[in-house]
Amino acid sequence: SRGDVVLAINGQPVDSVETLQRVLAAQPKRVALLV
């Protein structure tokens, strides 16, 4: 929900939208977000 902060996706620290793009480019069926 609004106000959460996404810290990592599949164990990779998130500091930009490009990080999400790289992980999602592999077409994973499910990702783990550290929030």
ModelCIF file with pLDDT and N, C-alpha, C, O atoms, coordinates in Angstrom:
data_MODEL
#
_entry.id   MODEL 
#
_entity.id                         1 
_entity.type                       polymer 
_entity.pdbx_number_of_molecules   1 
#
_entity_poly.entity_id                      1 
_entity_poly.type                           'polypeptide(L)' 
_entity_poly.nstd_linkage                   no 
_entity_poly.nstd_monomer                   no 
_entity_poly.pdbx_seq_one_letter_code       SRGDVVLAINGQPVDSVETLQRVLAAQPKRVALLV 
_entity_poly.pdbx_seq_one_letter_code_can   SRGDVVLAINGQPVDSVETLQRVLAAQPKRVALLV 
_entity_poly.pdbx_strand_id                 A 
#
loop_
_entity_poly_seq.entity_id 
_entity_poly_seq.num 
_entity_poly_seq.mon_id 
_entity_poly_seq.hetero 
1 1  SER n 
1 2  ARG n 
1 3  GLY n 
1 4  ASP n 
1 5  VAL n 
1 6  VAL n 
1 7  LEU n 
1 8  ALA n 
1 9  ILE n 
1 10 ASN n 
1 11 GLY n 
1 12 GLN n 
1 13 PRO n 
1 14 VAL n 
1 15 ASP n 
1 16 SER n 
1 17 VAL n 
1 18 GLU n 
1 19 THR n 
1 20 LEU n 
1 21 GLN n 
1 22 ARG n 
1 23 VAL n 
1 24 LEU n 
1 25 ALA n 
1 26 ALA n 
1 27 GLN n 
1 28 PRO n 
1 29 LYS n 
1 30 ARG n 
1 31 VAL n 
1 32 ALA n 
1 33 LEU n 
1 34 LEU n 
1 35 VAL n 
#
_struct_asym.id          A 
_struct_asym.entity_id   1 
#
loop_
_ma_qa_metric.id 
_ma_qa_metric.mode 
_ma_qa_metric.name 
_ma_qa_metric.software_group_id 
_ma_qa_metric.type 
1 global pLDDT . pLDDT 
2 local  pLDDT . pLDDT 
#
_ma_qa_metric_global.metric_id      1 
_ma_qa_metric_global.metric_value   81.06 
_ma_qa_metric_global.model_id       1 
_ma_qa_metric_global.ordinal_id     1 
#
loop_
_ma_qa_metric_local.label_asym_id 
_ma_qa_metric_local.label_comp_id 
_ma_qa_metric_local.label_seq_id 
_ma_qa_metric_local.metric_id 
_ma_qa_metric_local.metric_value 
_ma_qa_metric_local.model_id 
_ma_qa_metric_local.ordinal_id 
A SER 1  2 87.00 1 1  
A ARG 2  2 85.00 1 2  
A GLY 3  2 87.00 1 3  
A ASP 4  2 90.00 1 4  
A VAL 5  2 91.00 1 5  
A VAL 6  2 90.00 1 6  
A LEU 7  2 88.00 1 7  
A ALA 8  2 84.00 1 8  
A ILE 9  2 85.00 1 9  
A ASN 10 2 72.00 1 10 
A GLY 11 2 73.00 1 11 
A GLN 12 2 80.00 1 12 
A PRO 13 2 86.00 1 13 
A VAL 14 2 86.00 1 14 
A ASP 15 2 80.00 1 15 
A SER 16 2 80.00 1 16 
A VAL 17 2 78.00 1 17 
A GLU 18 2 78.00 1 18 
A THR 19 2 80.00 1 19 
A LEU 20 2 80.00 1 20 
A GLN 21 2 76.00 1 21 
A ARG 22 2 81.00 1 22 
A VAL 23 2 81.00 1 23 
A LEU 24 2 81.00 1 24 
A ALA 25 2 79.00 1 25 
A ALA 26 2 78.00 1 26 
A GLN 27 2 78.00 1 27 
A PRO 28 2 75.00 1 28 
A LYS 29 2 72.00 1 29 
A ARG 30 2 73.00 1 30 
A VAL 31 2 75.00 1 31 
A ALA 32 2 75.00 1 32 
A LEU 33 2 83.00 1 33 
A LEU 34 2 84.00 1 34 
A VAL 35 2 86.00 1 35 
#
loop_
_atom_site.group_PDB 
_atom_site.id 
_atom_site.type_symbol 
_atom_site.label_atom_id 
_atom_site.label_alt_id 
_atom_site.label_comp_id 
_atom_site.label_asym_id 
_atom_site.label_entity_id 
_atom_site.label_seq_id 
_atom_site.pdbx_PDB_ins_code 
_atom_site.Cartn_x 
_atom_site.Cartn_y 
_atom_site.Cartn_z 
_atom_site.occupancy 
_atom_site.B_iso_or_equiv 
_atom_site.pdbx_formal_charge 
_atom_site.auth_seq_id 
_atom_site.auth_comp_id 
_atom_site.auth_asym_id 
_atom_site.auth_atom_id 
_atom_site.pdbx_PDB_model_num 
ATOM 1   N N  . SER A 1 1  ? 0.839  -1.193  0.000   1.00 87.00 ? 1  SER A N  1 
ATOM 2   C CA . SER A 1 1  ? 0.000  0.000   0.000   1.00 87.00 ? 1  SER A CA 1 
ATOM 3   C C  . SER A 1 1  ? 0.871  1.238   0.000   1.00 87.00 ? 1  SER A C  1 
ATOM 4   O O  . SER A 1 1  ? 2.081  1.167   0.215   1.00 87.00 ? 1  SER A O  1 
ATOM 5   N N  . ARG A 1 2  ? 0.242  2.365   -0.243  1.00 85.00 ? 2  ARG A N  1 
ATOM 6   C CA . ARG A 1 2  ? 0.919  3.655   -0.285  1.00 85.00 ? 2  ARG A CA 1 
ATOM 7   C C  . ARG A 1 2  ? 1.653  3.907   1.020   1.00 85.00 ? 2  ARG A C  1 
ATOM 8   O O  . ARG A 1 2  ? 1.092  3.721   2.100   1.00 85.00 ? 2  ARG A O  1 
ATOM 9   N N  . GLY A 1 3  ? 2.916  4.334   0.921   1.00 87.00 ? 3  GLY A N  1 
ATOM 10  C CA . GLY A 1 3  ? 3.711  4.605   2.102   1.00 87.00 ? 3  GLY A CA 1 
ATOM 11  C C  . GLY A 1 3  ? 4.723  3.527   2.427   1.00 87.00 ? 3  GLY A C  1 
ATOM 12  O O  . GLY A 1 3  ? 5.668  3.775   3.176   1.00 87.00 ? 3  GLY A O  1 
ATOM 13  N N  . ASP A 1 4  ? 4.542  2.308   1.867   1.00 90.00 ? 4  ASP A N  1 
ATOM 14  C CA . ASP A 1 4  ? 5.554  1.272   2.014   1.00 90.00 ? 4  ASP A CA 1 
ATOM 15  C C  . ASP A 1 4  ? 6.826  1.678   1.261   1.00 90.00 ? 4  ASP A C  1 
ATOM 16  O O  . ASP A 1 4  ? 6.782  2.497   0.343   1.00 90.00 ? 4  ASP A O  1 
ATOM 17  N N  . VAL A 1 5  ? 7.960  1.090   1.665   1.00 91.00 ? 5  VAL A N  1 
ATOM 18  C CA . VAL A 1 5  ? 9.229  1.332   0.967   1.00 91.00 ? 5  VAL A CA 1 
ATOM 19  C C  . VAL A 1 5  ? 9.800  -0.014  0.544   1.00 91.00 ? 5  VAL A C  1 
ATOM 20  O O  . VAL A 1 5  ? 10.035 -0.886  1.380   1.00 91.00 ? 5  VAL A O  1 
ATOM 21  N N  . VAL A 1 6  ? 10.024 -0.179  -0.758  1.00 90.00 ? 6  VAL A N  1 
ATOM 22  C CA . VAL A 1 6  ? 10.614 -1.405  -1.291  1.00 90.00 ? 6  VAL A CA 1 
ATOM 23  C C  . VAL A 1 6  ? 12.125 -1.304  -1.157  1.00 90.00 ? 6  VAL A C  1 
ATOM 24  O O  . VAL A 1 6  ? 12.755 -0.428  -1.750  1.00 90.00 ? 6  VAL A O  1 
ATOM 25  N N  . LEU A 1 7  ? 12.713 -2.229  -0.356  1.00 88.00 ? 7  LEU A N  1 
ATOM 26  C CA . LEU A 1 7  ? 14.155 -2.192  -0.093  1.00 88.00 ? 7  LEU A CA 1 
ATOM 27  C C  . LEU A 1 7  ? 14.939 -3.135  -1.001  1.00 88.00 ? 7  LEU A C  1 
ATOM 28  O O  . LEU A 1 7  ? 16.079 -2.841  -1.360  1.00 88.00 ? 7  LEU A O  1 
ATOM 29  N N  . ALA A 1 8  ? 14.336 -4.266  -1.376  1.00 84.00 ? 8  ALA A N  1 
ATOM 30  C CA . ALA A 1 8  ? 15.070 -5.246  -2.191  1.00 84.00 ? 8  ALA A CA 1 
ATOM 31  C C  . ALA A 1 8  ? 14.076 -6.101  -2.952  1.00 84.00 ? 8  ALA A C  1 
ATOM 32  O O  . ALA A 1 8  ? 12.924 -6.248  -2.544  1.00 84.00 ? 8  ALA A O  1 
ATOM 33  N N  . ILE A 1 9  ? 14.534 -6.667  -4.067  1.00 85.00 ? 9  ILE A N  1 
ATOM 34  C CA . ILE A 1 9  ? 13.758 -7.608  -4.851  1.00 85.00 ? 9  ILE A CA 1 
ATOM 35  C C  . ILE A 1 9  ? 14.629 -8.831  -5.109  1.00 85.00 ? 9  ILE A C  1 
ATOM 36  O O  . ILE A 1 9  ? 15.701 -8.733  -5.707  1.00 85.00 ? 9  ILE A O  1 
ATOM 37  N N  . ASN A 1 10 ? 14.155 -9.975  -4.652  1.00 72.00 ? 10 ASN A N  1 
ATOM 38  C CA . ASN A 1 10 ? 14.904 -11.228 -4.766  1.00 72.00 ? 10 ASN A CA 1 
ATOM 39  C C  . ASN A 1 10 ? 16.323 -11.088 -4.242  1.00 72.00 ? 10 ASN A C  1 
ATOM 40  O O  . ASN A 1 10 ? 17.273 -11.593 -4.840  1.00 72.00 ? 10 ASN A O  1 
ATOM 41  N N  . GLY A 1 11 ? 16.454 -10.406 -3.134  1.00 73.00 ? 11 GLY A N  1 
ATOM 42  C CA . GLY A 1 11 ? 17.745 -10.256 -2.479  1.00 73.00 ? 11 GLY A CA 1 
ATOM 43  C C  . GLY A 1 11 ? 18.629 -9.157  -3.018  1.00 73.00 ? 11 GLY A C  1 
ATOM 44  O O  . GLY A 1 11 ? 19.688 -8.894  -2.449  1.00 73.00 ? 11 GLY A O  1 
ATOM 45  N N  . GLN A 1 12 ? 18.230 -8.506  -4.095  1.00 80.00 ? 12 GLN A N  1 
ATOM 46  C CA . GLN A 1 12 ? 19.030 -7.424  -4.673  1.00 80.00 ? 12 GLN A CA 1 
ATOM 47  C C  . GLN A 1 12 ? 18.541 -6.077  -4.134  1.00 80.00 ? 12 GLN A C  1 
ATOM 48  O O  . GLN A 1 12 ? 17.366 -5.746  -4.295  1.00 80.00 ? 12 GLN A O  1 
ATOM 49  N N  . PRO A 1 13 ? 19.407 -5.307  -3.507  1.00 86.00 ? 13 PRO A N  1 
ATOM 50  C CA . PRO A 1 13 ? 18.989 -3.988  -2.995  1.00 86.00 ? 13 PRO A CA 1 
ATOM 51  C C  . PRO A 1 13 ? 18.405 -3.131  -4.110  1.00 86.00 ? 13 PRO A C  1 
ATOM 52  O O  . PRO A 1 13 ? 18.914 -3.119  -5.231  1.00 86.00 ? 13 PRO A O  1 
ATOM 53  N N  . VAL A 1 14 ? 17.332 -2.415  -3.791  1.00 86.00 ? 14 VAL A N  1 
ATOM 54  C CA . VAL A 1 14 ? 16.633 -1.577  -4.761  1.00 86.00 ? 14 VAL A CA 1 
ATOM 55  C C  . VAL A 1 14 ? 16.930 -0.120  -4.466  1.00 86.00 ? 14 VAL A C  1 
ATOM 56  O O  . VAL A 1 14 ? 16.536 0.412   -3.428  1.00 86.00 ? 14 VAL A O  1 
ATOM 57  N N  . ASP A 1 15 ? 17.630 0.517   -5.392  1.00 80.00 ? 15 ASP A N  1 
ATOM 58  C CA . ASP A 1 15 ? 17.870 1.952   -5.257  1.00 80.00 ? 15 ASP A CA 1 
ATOM 59  C C  . ASP A 1 15 ? 17.437 2.718   -6.502  1.00 80.00 ? 15 ASP A C  1 
ATOM 60  O O  . ASP A 1 15 ? 17.604 3.936   -6.574  1.00 80.00 ? 15 ASP A O  1 
ATOM 61  N N  . SER A 1 16 ? 16.875 1.998   -7.494  1.00 80.00 ? 16 SER A N  1 
ATOM 62  C CA . SER A 1 16 ? 16.395 2.647   -8.706  1.00 80.00 ? 16 SER A CA 1 
ATOM 63  C C  . SER A 1 16 ? 15.394 1.724   -9.387  1.00 80.00 ? 16 SER A C  1 
ATOM 64  O O  . SER A 1 16 ? 15.333 0.531   -9.091  1.00 80.00 ? 16 SER A O  1 
ATOM 65  N N  . VAL A 1 17 ? 14.613 2.287   -10.300 1.00 78.00 ? 17 VAL A N  1 
ATOM 66  C CA . VAL A 1 17 ? 13.660 1.490   -11.064 1.00 78.00 ? 17 VAL A CA 1 
ATOM 67  C C  . VAL A 1 17 ? 14.386 0.498   -11.958 1.00 78.00 ? 17 VAL A C  1 
ATOM 68  O O  . VAL A 1 17 ? 13.847 -0.567  -12.257 1.00 78.00 ? 17 VAL A O  1 
ATOM 69  N N  . GLU A 1 18 ? 15.609 0.829   -12.393 1.00 78.00 ? 18 GLU A N  1 
ATOM 70  C CA . GLU A 1 18 ? 16.359 -0.073  -13.266 1.00 78.00 ? 18 GLU A CA 1 
ATOM 71  C C  . GLU A 1 18 ? 16.616 -1.422  -12.592 1.00 78.00 ? 18 GLU A C  1 
ATOM 72  O O  . GLU A 1 18 ? 16.663 -2.451  -13.265 1.00 78.00 ? 18 GLU A O  1 
ATOM 73  N N  . THR A 1 19 ? 16.782 -1.419  -11.270 1.00 80.00 ? 19 THR A N  1 
ATOM 74  C CA . THR A 1 19 ? 16.975 -2.686  -10.564 1.00 80.00 ? 19 THR A CA 1 
ATOM 75  C C  . THR A 1 19 ? 15.772 -3.588  -10.740 1.00 80.00 ? 19 THR A C  1 
ATOM 76  O O  . THR A 1 19 ? 15.918 -4.785  -10.984 1.00 80.00 ? 19 THR A O  1 
ATOM 77  N N  . LEU A 1 20 ? 14.587 -3.020  -10.618 1.00 80.00 ? 20 LEU A N  1 
ATOM 78  C CA . LEU A 1 20 ? 13.375 -3.803  -10.840 1.00 80.00 ? 20 LEU A CA 1 
ATOM 79  C C  . LEU A 1 20 ? 13.304 -4.307  -12.275 1.00 80.00 ? 20 LEU A C  1 
ATOM 80  O O  . LEU A 1 20 ? 12.926 -5.453  -12.518 1.00 80.00 ? 20 LEU A O  1 
ATOM 81  N N  . GLN A 1 21 ? 13.665 -3.459  -13.218 1.00 76.00 ? 21 GLN A N  1 
ATOM 82  C CA . GLN A 1 21 ? 13.606 -3.840  -14.618 1.00 76.00 ? 21 GLN A CA 1 
ATOM 83  C C  . GLN A 1 21 ? 14.499 -5.048  -14.897 1.00 76.00 ? 21 GLN A C  1 
ATOM 84  O O  . GLN A 1 21 ? 14.107 -5.965  -15.620 1.00 76.00 ? 21 GLN A O  1 
ATOM 85  N N  . ARG A 1 22 ? 15.688 -5.043  -14.325 1.00 81.00 ? 22 ARG A N  1 
ATOM 86  C CA . ARG A 1 22 ? 16.625 -6.145  -14.579 1.00 81.00 ? 22 ARG A CA 1 
ATOM 87  C C  . ARG A 1 22 ? 16.063 -7.465  -14.042 1.00 81.00 ? 22 ARG A C  1 
ATOM 88  O O  . ARG A 1 22 ? 16.148 -8.490  -14.720 1.00 81.00 ? 22 ARG A O  1 
ATOM 89  N N  . VAL A 1 23 ? 15.502 -7.452  -12.857 1.00 81.00 ? 23 VAL A N  1 
ATOM 90  C CA . VAL A 1 23 ? 14.962 -8.676  -12.273 1.00 81.00 ? 23 VAL A CA 1 
ATOM 91  C C  . VAL A 1 23 ? 13.731 -9.144  -13.036 1.00 81.00 ? 23 VAL A C  1 
ATOM 92  O O  . VAL A 1 23 ? 13.586 -10.335 -13.312 1.00 81.00 ? 23 VAL A O  1 
ATOM 93  N N  . LEU A 1 24 ? 12.845 -8.217  -13.377 1.00 81.00 ? 24 LEU A N  1 
ATOM 94  C CA . LEU A 1 24 ? 11.609 -8.587  -14.056 1.00 81.00 ? 24 LEU A CA 1 
ATOM 95  C C  . LEU A 1 24 ? 11.844 -8.996  -15.505 1.00 81.00 ? 24 LEU A C  1 
ATOM 96  O O  . LEU A 1 24 ? 11.001 -9.665  -16.102 1.00 81.00 ? 24 LEU A O  1 
ATOM 97  N N  . ALA A 1 25 ? 12.980 -8.602  -16.075 1.00 79.00 ? 25 ALA A N  1 
ATOM 98  C CA . ALA A 1 25 ? 13.288 -8.981  -17.459 1.00 79.00 ? 25 ALA A CA 1 
ATOM 99  C C  . ALA A 1 25 ? 13.426 -10.488 -17.614 1.00 79.00 ? 25 ALA A C  1 
ATOM 100 O O  . ALA A 1 25 ? 13.242 -11.022 -18.708 1.00 79.00 ? 25 ALA A O  1 
ATOM 101 N N  . ALA A 1 26 ? 13.757 -11.189 -16.502 1.00 78.00 ? 26 ALA A N  1 
ATOM 102 C CA . ALA A 1 26 ? 13.879 -12.640 -16.545 1.00 78.00 ? 26 ALA A CA 1 
ATOM 103 C C  . ALA A 1 26 ? 12.529 -13.347 -16.485 1.00 78.00 ? 26 ALA A C  1 
ATOM 104 O O  . ALA A 1 26 ? 12.479 -14.576 -16.463 1.00 78.00 ? 26 ALA A O  1 
ATOM 105 N N  . GLN A 1 27 ? 11.423 -12.579 -16.457 1.00 78.00 ? 27 GLN A N  1 
ATOM 106 C CA . GLN A 1 27 ? 10.071 -13.124 -16.437 1.00 78.00 ? 27 GLN A CA 1 
ATOM 107 C C  . GLN A 1 27 ? 9.845  -14.102 -15.280 1.00 78.00 ? 27 GLN A C  1 
ATOM 108 O O  . GLN A 1 27 ? 9.343  -15.203 -15.506 1.00 78.00 ? 27 GLN A O  1 
ATOM 109 N N  . PRO A 1 28 ? 10.200 -13.730 -14.061 1.00 75.00 ? 28 PRO A N  1 
ATOM 110 C CA . PRO A 1 28 ? 9.958  -14.641 -12.934 1.00 75.00 ? 28 PRO A CA 1 
ATOM 111 C C  . PRO A 1 28 ? 8.464  -14.766 -12.653 1.00 75.00 ? 28 PRO A C  1 
ATOM 112 O O  . PRO A 1 28 ? 7.701  -13.822 -12.855 1.00 75.00 ? 28 PRO A O  1 
ATOM 113 N N  . LYS A 1 29 ? 8.054  -15.961 -12.179 1.00 72.00 ? 29 LYS A N  1 
ATOM 114 C CA . LYS A 1 29 ? 6.650  -16.160 -11.835 1.00 72.00 ? 29 LYS A CA 1 
ATOM 115 C C  . LYS A 1 29 ? 6.296  -15.500 -10.508 1.00 72.00 ? 29 LYS A C  1 
ATOM 116 O O  . LYS A 1 29 ? 5.140  -15.148 -10.273 1.00 72.00 ? 29 LYS A O  1 
ATOM 117 N N  . ARG A 1 30 ? 7.288  -15.335 -9.647  1.00 73.00 ? 30 ARG A N  1 
ATOM 118 C CA . ARG A 1 30 ? 7.049  -14.701 -8.362  1.00 73.00 ? 30 ARG A CA 1 
ATOM 119 C C  . ARG A 1 30 ? 8.337  -14.064 -7.882  1.00 73.00 ? 30 ARG A C  1 
ATOM 120 O O  . ARG A 1 30 ? 9.420  -14.618 -8.076  1.00 73.00 ? 30 ARG A O  1 
ATOM 121 N N  . VAL A 1 31 ? 8.226  -12.914 -7.263  1.00 75.00 ? 31 VAL A N  1 
ATOM 122 C CA . VAL A 1 31 ? 9.394  -12.244 -6.698  1.00 75.00 ? 31 VAL A CA 1 
ATOM 123 C C  . VAL A 1 31 ? 9.128  -11.976 -5.229  1.00 75.00 ? 31 VAL A C  1 
ATOM 124 O O  . VAL A 1 31 ? 7.982  -11.863 -4.794  1.00 75.00 ? 31 VAL A O  1 
ATOM 125 N N  . ALA A 1 32 ? 10.222 -11.877 -4.469  1.00 75.00 ? 32 ALA A N  1 
ATOM 126 C CA . ALA A 1 32 ? 10.129 -11.559 -3.043  1.00 75.00 ? 32 ALA A CA 1 
ATOM 127 C C  . ALA A 1 32 ? 10.602 -10.128 -2.839  1.00 75.00 ? 32 ALA A C  1 
ATOM 128 O O  . ALA A 1 32 ? 11.758 -9.799  -3.103  1.00 75.00 ? 32 ALA A O  1 
ATOM 129 N N  . LEU A 1 33 ? 9.709  -9.296  -2.374  1.00 83.00 ? 33 LEU A N  1 
ATOM 130 C CA . LEU A 1 33 ? 10.047 -7.905  -2.090  1.00 83.00 ? 33 LEU A CA 1 
ATOM 131 C C  . LEU A 1 33 ? 10.303 -7.746  -0.603  1.00 83.00 ? 33 LEU A C  1 
ATOM 132 O O  . LEU A 1 33 ? 9.478  -8.138  0.222   1.00 83.00 ? 33 LEU A O  1 
ATOM 133 N N  . LEU A 1 34 ? 11.450 -7.167  -0.262  1.00 84.00 ? 34 LEU A N  1 
ATOM 134 C CA . LEU A 1 34 ? 11.710 -6.790  1.130   1.00 84.00 ? 34 LEU A CA 1 
ATOM 135 C C  . LEU A 1 34 ? 11.157 -5.391  1.320   1.00 84.00 ? 34 LEU A C  1 
ATOM 136 O O  . LEU A 1 34 ? 11.577 -4.452  0.643   1.00 84.00 ? 34 LEU A O  1 
ATOM 137 N N  . VAL A 1 35 ? 10.217 -5.253  2.238   1.00 86.00 ? 35 VAL A N  1 
ATOM 138 C CA . VAL A 1 35 ? 9.463  -4.016  2.396   1.00 86.00 ? 35 VAL A CA 1 
ATOM 139 C C  . VAL A 1 35 ? 9.664  -3.449  3.794   1.00 86.00 ? 35 VAL A C  1 
ATOM 140 O O  . VAL A 1 35 ? 9.105  -2.402  4.122   1.00 86.00 ? 35 VAL A O  1 
#
